[in-house]
């Protein structure tokens, strides 16, 4: 049985699509009340109120799957790492493709921050595969799923680490990983106050604001706004990179963007070389000009 871990994160639906490449016997184990109707024929819904990685891993192991696929989110990686440690099996992270060869899985996965692809074989059972974020889209849904309520034998030991409180985002805030437009800022923005121009542009475009790692390290933006290898992996229709140099760690985070517009004084900056379009100049002159034109056209 191929089991896909599904929670409320939209990337879970991409993971379900990825799992289908491995065979037809795909089932889902569902947490956080996620909806899988139309994506699998059978689902196991777990009634855990909050995220608890050891408990989630225990519930997965109870089902005795042959293969487990999860989205390559913080949760997906943590839960499958717990399962791998409990079972003493290997885990192949950052998978972008997979196929079956008898009892072995043939994998393609990202290495070195996404700068190269590795061809590998994974044996043993179960085989644990966190999918690289945005490695593929989600297929359209089909028929409703048959849902079974699962009651794993959870003990207090499995709940040693769990979510006990949530901080809700600002009402109406758009998530970086699902935004259709992202306006990102780097060191070139110059200050925390400099992001006000980027926020105005993002508001007009119905998008979200992100930042490079140096920006979050300087305290100009919260860590939740970081785009990069150790931050959010984004896949917007348009990424507008303002004053971002484009180090490889940042490129890993935005490489799935459909189009990139770079605004930068340095025409030789790495982000300019990777961009679909570039405007060479001072972002504090260019961004307000774009804002004014959008207001005039609206």
Protein backbone atom coordinates (compact mmCIF):
# COMPACT_ATOMS: atom_id res chain seq x y z
CA UNK A 1 0.00 0.00 0.00
CA UNK A 2 1.18 3.49 -0.91
CA UNK A 3 0.25 5.89 1.87
CA UNK A 4 0.24 9.67 1.49
CA UNK A 5 0.35 11.96 4.54
CA UNK A 6 -2.20 14.75 4.15
CA UNK A 7 -2.77 17.79 6.35
CA UNK A 8 -4.18 21.26 5.77
CA UNK A 9 -1.14 22.42 3.77
CA UNK A 10 -1.96 22.82 0.03
CA UNK A 11 1.28 21.00 -0.83
CA UNK A 12 -0.35 17.80 0.45
CA UNK A 13 -2.46 17.64 -2.72
CA UNK A 14 0.73 17.82 -4.79
CA UNK A 15 2.10 14.94 -2.69
CA UNK A 16 -1.02 12.88 -3.48
CA UNK A 17 -0.46 13.47 -7.19
CA UNK A 18 3.19 12.48 -6.77
CA UNK A 19 2.16 9.28 -4.95
CA UNK A 20 -0.06 8.21 -7.87
CA UNK A 21 3.04 7.88 -10.05
CA UNK A 22 4.04 4.86 -7.95
CA UNK A 23 0.86 2.82 -8.41
CA UNK A 24 -2.91 2.70 -8.16
CA UNK A 25 -3.16 1.50 -4.54
CA UNK A 26 -2.77 4.98 -3.02
CA UNK A 27 -4.48 5.72 0.29
CA UNK A 28 -4.32 8.85 2.44
CA UNK A 29 -3.79 9.30 6.16
CA UNK A 30 -5.48 12.57 7.00
CA UNK A 31 -4.70 14.97 9.84
CA UNK A 32 -5.99 18.45 10.66
CA UNK A 33 -9.36 17.76 9.06
CA UNK A 34 -7.98 18.08 5.52
CA UNK A 35 -10.28 17.26 2.59
CA UNK A 36 -9.14 14.50 0.21
CA UNK A 37 -12.42 13.91 -1.62
CA UNK A 38 -11.66 13.28 -5.26
CA UNK A 39 -7.94 12.58 -4.78
CA UNK A 40 -7.97 9.03 -3.38
CA UNK A 41 -10.52 6.24 -3.17
CA UNK A 42 -9.79 5.49 0.50
CA UNK A 43 -8.63 7.65 3.39
CA UNK A 44 -7.84 7.10 7.07
CA UNK A 45 -8.79 10.12 9.18
CA UNK A 46 -6.89 10.52 12.47
CA UNK A 47 -8.63 12.41 15.25
CA UNK A 48 -5.66 14.19 16.81
CA UNK A 49 -6.57 17.75 17.79
CA UNK A 50 -3.12 19.27 17.32
CA UNK A 51 0.17 18.55 15.60
CA UNK A 52 2.29 15.99 17.47
CA UNK A 53 5.08 14.52 15.28
CA UNK A 54 5.67 11.32 17.25
CA UNK A 55 1.94 10.59 17.39
CA UNK A 56 1.54 11.23 13.66
CA UNK A 57 4.49 8.91 12.93
CA UNK A 58 2.98 6.23 15.19
CA UNK A 59 -0.34 6.42 13.34
CA UNK A 60 1.47 5.98 10.01
CA UNK A 61 3.42 2.96 11.27
CA UNK A 62 0.20 1.35 12.57
CA UNK A 63 -1.11 1.15 8.99
CA UNK A 64 1.96 -0.89 7.86
CA UNK A 65 2.38 0.79 4.45
CA UNK A 66 4.93 -0.24 1.84
CA UNK A 67 5.62 3.35 0.74
CA UNK A 68 4.92 6.64 2.53
CA UNK A 69 4.86 9.96 0.63
CA UNK A 70 4.60 13.36 2.32
CA UNK A 71 4.91 16.95 1.22
CA UNK A 72 8.41 18.30 1.88
CA UNK A 73 7.20 20.79 4.48
CA UNK A 74 8.57 21.20 8.01
CA UNK A 75 5.84 18.85 9.21
CA UNK A 76 6.31 16.30 6.44
CA UNK A 77 10.05 16.05 7.02
CA UNK A 78 9.71 15.86 10.80
CA UNK A 79 7.01 13.19 10.84
CA UNK A 80 8.77 10.93 8.35
CA UNK A 81 12.07 11.41 10.19
CA UNK A 82 10.39 10.14 13.37
CA UNK A 83 8.99 7.16 11.44
CA UNK A 84 12.41 6.40 9.92
CA UNK A 85 14.08 6.49 13.35
CA UNK A 86 11.43 4.25 14.91
CA UNK A 87 11.65 1.68 12.11
CA UNK A 88 15.38 1.91 11.41
CA UNK A 89 14.90 2.54 7.68
CA UNK A 90 16.25 5.09 5.23
CA UNK A 91 14.48 8.30 4.27
CA UNK A 92 14.98 9.92 0.84
CA UNK A 93 14.19 13.64 1.10
CA UNK A 94 13.58 16.25 -1.63
CA UNK A 95 12.25 13.81 -4.23
CA UNK A 96 11.13 15.30 -7.55
CA UNK A 97 10.38 12.04 -9.39
CA UNK A 98 10.04 8.34 -8.61
CA UNK A 99 9.24 5.07 -10.35
CA UNK A 100 9.08 1.41 -9.36
CA UNK A 101 11.58 -1.27 -10.43
CA UNK A 102 10.45 -4.54 -8.79
CA UNK A 103 11.03 -4.03 -5.03
CA UNK A 104 13.18 -0.95 -5.50
CA UNK A 105 12.22 2.67 -6.02
CA UNK A 106 14.15 4.66 -8.60
CA UNK A 107 14.36 8.25 -7.38
CA UNK A 108 15.36 11.64 -8.66
CA UNK A 109 15.96 14.09 -5.84
CA UNK A 110 17.40 17.52 -5.27
CA UNK A 111 20.80 17.86 -3.63
CA UNK A 112 23.00 20.80 -2.65
CA UNK A 113 20.11 23.21 -2.23
CA UNK A 114 18.55 22.22 -5.53
CA UNK A 115 21.65 22.99 -7.59
CA UNK A 116 21.95 19.38 -8.81
CA UNK A 117 19.76 16.30 -9.23
CA UNK A 118 20.73 12.87 -7.91
CA UNK A 119 19.56 9.55 -9.35
CA UNK A 120 19.22 7.01 -6.54
CA UNK A 121 17.69 3.66 -5.56
CA UNK A 122 15.79 3.10 -2.33
CA UNK A 123 15.28 -0.39 -0.95
CA UNK A 124 13.87 -1.63 2.35
CA UNK A 125 10.35 -1.33 3.71
CA UNK A 126 8.61 0.94 4.22
CA UNK A 127 10.09 3.44 1.81
CA UNK A 128 9.78 7.02 3.10
CA UNK A 129 9.65 9.86 0.56
CA UNK A 130 9.22 13.53 1.43
CA UNK A 131 8.51 15.28 -1.89
CA UNK A 132 10.40 18.46 -2.77
CA UNK A 133 8.02 21.46 -2.55
CA UNK A 134 6.43 22.32 -5.90
CA UNK A 135 7.98 19.30 -7.64
CA UNK A 136 4.70 18.96 -9.51
CA UNK A 137 1.20 20.32 -9.57
CA UNK A 138 -1.92 18.83 -8.04
CA UNK A 139 -4.08 16.77 -10.40
CA UNK A 140 -7.78 17.65 -10.66
CA UNK A 141 -9.98 15.79 -8.16
CA UNK A 142 -12.14 12.84 -9.13
CA UNK A 143 -14.70 10.77 -7.17
CA UNK A 144 -15.37 11.12 -3.41
CA UNK A 145 -13.22 9.11 -1.00
CA UNK A 146 -14.28 6.36 1.37
CA UNK A 147 -13.18 7.66 4.79
CA UNK A 148 -12.33 5.44 7.76
CA UNK A 149 -11.89 6.95 11.23
CA UNK A 150 -8.54 5.72 12.57
CA UNK A 151 -7.85 5.43 16.30
CA UNK A 152 -4.13 4.69 16.73
CA UNK A 153 -2.84 3.48 20.11
CA UNK A 154 -1.48 6.87 21.16
CA UNK A 155 0.11 7.17 24.62
CA UNK A 156 1.39 10.16 26.60
CA UNK A 157 4.89 9.28 25.36
CA UNK A 158 3.80 10.04 21.79
CA UNK A 159 2.53 13.46 22.89
CA UNK A 160 5.72 14.70 24.54
CA UNK A 161 6.13 17.24 21.72
CA UNK A 162 2.92 18.81 20.46
CA UNK A 163 1.38 22.12 19.48
CA UNK A 164 -0.27 23.75 22.50
CA UNK A 165 -1.02 27.21 21.12
CA UNK A 166 -1.34 28.89 17.72
CA UNK A 167 -0.62 32.46 16.71
CA UNK A 168 -2.99 33.36 13.91
CA UNK A 169 -1.70 35.58 11.07
CA UNK A 170 -3.11 39.01 10.48
CA UNK A 171 -6.64 38.83 9.11
CA UNK A 172 -6.59 38.81 5.34
CA UNK A 173 -2.87 38.07 5.11
CA UNK A 174 -1.81 36.10 2.04
CA UNK A 175 0.51 33.13 2.57
CA UNK A 176 3.85 33.24 0.80
CA UNK A 177 3.69 29.64 -0.37
CA UNK A 178 0.28 30.07 -2.03
CA UNK A 179 0.47 33.70 -3.23
CA UNK A 180 0.07 34.30 -6.98
CA UNK A 181 2.38 37.32 -6.73
CA UNK A 182 5.29 37.76 -4.31
CA UNK A 183 7.25 41.00 -3.91
CA UNK A 184 10.58 40.18 -2.31
CA UNK A 185 13.15 42.48 -0.81
CA UNK A 186 16.83 42.09 -0.08
CA UNK A 187 19.60 44.13 1.50
CA UNK A 188 19.13 46.72 -1.24
CA UNK A 189 15.83 47.81 0.33
CA UNK A 190 18.02 49.53 2.90
CA UNK A 191 15.85 49.44 6.03
CA UNK A 192 12.73 48.10 7.70
CA UNK A 193 10.89 51.26 6.64
CA UNK A 194 11.93 50.68 3.03
CA UNK A 195 9.59 47.68 2.87
CA UNK A 196 6.58 49.98 3.05
CA UNK A 197 6.96 50.62 -0.69
CA UNK A 198 7.06 46.88 -1.36
CA UNK A 199 3.99 46.30 0.81
CA UNK A 200 2.06 48.92 -1.16
CA UNK A 201 3.02 47.25 -4.45
CA UNK A 202 2.07 43.81 -3.12
CA UNK A 203 -1.32 45.13 -1.94
CA UNK A 204 -2.09 46.54 -5.38
CA UNK A 205 -1.19 43.23 -7.02
CA UNK A 206 -3.01 41.08 -4.46
CA UNK A 207 0.24 39.49 -3.40
CA UNK A 208 2.49 38.85 -0.42
CA UNK A 209 5.80 40.36 0.71
CA UNK A 210 8.88 38.22 1.30
CA UNK A 211 12.52 38.83 2.08
CA UNK A 212 15.95 37.31 1.78
CA UNK A 213 17.77 35.72 4.70
CA UNK A 214 19.88 38.80 5.35
CA UNK A 215 16.69 40.85 5.68
CA UNK A 216 15.30 38.56 8.39
CA UNK A 217 18.68 38.39 10.13
CA UNK A 218 18.71 42.19 10.30
CA UNK A 219 15.22 42.19 11.80
CA UNK A 220 13.62 44.08 8.91
CA UNK A 221 11.10 41.27 8.35
CA UNK A 222 9.98 38.30 10.51
CA UNK A 223 11.47 34.89 9.78
CA UNK A 224 8.09 33.72 8.45
CA UNK A 225 8.63 36.08 5.49
CA UNK A 226 11.96 34.55 4.46
CA UNK A 227 12.19 33.12 0.95
CA UNK A 228 14.99 30.61 0.50
CA UNK A 229 16.46 27.23 1.30
CA UNK A 230 15.86 27.69 5.04
CA UNK A 231 12.64 29.67 4.54
CA UNK A 232 9.57 29.47 2.33
CA UNK A 233 9.66 27.76 -1.08
CA UNK A 234 7.40 29.82 -3.31
CA UNK A 235 5.79 29.18 -6.70
CA UNK A 236 3.94 32.36 -7.69
CA UNK A 237 2.91 33.41 -11.17
CA UNK A 238 5.24 36.39 -10.70
CA UNK A 239 8.11 37.03 -8.29
CA UNK A 240 9.32 40.65 -8.14
CA UNK A 241 12.78 40.65 -6.53
CA UNK A 242 13.73 44.12 -5.30
CA UNK A 243 17.31 44.69 -4.22
CA UNK A 244 17.93 40.94 -3.92
CA UNK A 245 21.39 39.74 -4.96
CA UNK A 246 20.18 36.18 -5.58
CA UNK A 247 22.52 33.92 -3.65
CA UNK A 248 21.97 30.21 -4.32
CA UNK A 249 20.06 29.78 -1.03
CA UNK A 250 17.53 32.40 -2.17
CA UNK A 251 17.30 30.98 -5.68
CA UNK A 252 16.32 27.60 -4.19
CA UNK A 253 13.34 29.30 -2.58
CA UNK A 254 12.07 31.09 -5.68
CA UNK A 255 13.12 28.80 -8.54
CA UNK A 256 9.57 27.47 -8.96
CA UNK A 257 8.24 30.96 -9.76
CA UNK A 258 6.73 31.04 -13.25
CA UNK A 259 8.21 34.47 -14.02
CA UNK A 260 10.82 36.59 -12.21
CA UNK A 261 11.17 40.36 -12.48
CA UNK A 262 14.40 41.68 -10.93
CA UNK A 263 14.81 45.31 -9.87
CA UNK A 264 18.44 45.91 -9.02
CA UNK A 265 21.24 48.46 -9.38
CA UNK A 266 23.72 45.69 -10.21
CA UNK A 267 23.19 44.29 -13.70
CA UNK A 268 25.59 41.45 -12.83
CA UNK A 269 23.68 40.27 -9.77
CA UNK A 270 22.85 36.53 -9.92
CA UNK A 271 19.11 37.23 -9.68
CA UNK A 272 19.32 39.44 -12.80
CA UNK A 273 20.93 36.60 -14.75
CA UNK A 274 18.09 34.23 -13.78
CA UNK A 275 15.24 36.71 -14.22
CA UNK A 276 12.83 36.76 -17.15
CA UNK A 277 12.86 40.57 -17.03
CA UNK A 278 15.14 43.03 -15.25
CA UNK A 279 15.02 46.74 -14.53
CA UNK A 280 18.44 48.14 -13.71
CA UNK A 281 18.19 51.08 -11.34
CA UNK A 282 17.25 52.32 -7.88
CA UNK A 283 14.29 50.33 -6.52
CA UNK A 284 13.22 53.36 -4.47
CA UNK A 285 12.57 55.18 -7.74
CA UNK A 286 11.29 52.23 -9.77
CA UNK A 287 8.84 50.70 -7.27
CA UNK A 288 7.01 54.01 -6.56
CA UNK A 289 6.77 54.57 -10.32
CA UNK A 290 5.16 51.14 -10.79
CA UNK A 291 2.78 51.85 -7.87
CA UNK A 292 1.77 55.20 -9.38
CA UNK A 293 1.12 53.61 -12.78
CA UNK A 294 -0.97 50.82 -11.24
CA UNK A 295 -3.05 53.37 -9.35
CA UNK A 296 -3.50 55.45 -12.49
CA UNK A 297 -4.62 52.39 -14.48
CA UNK A 298 -7.03 51.11 -11.84
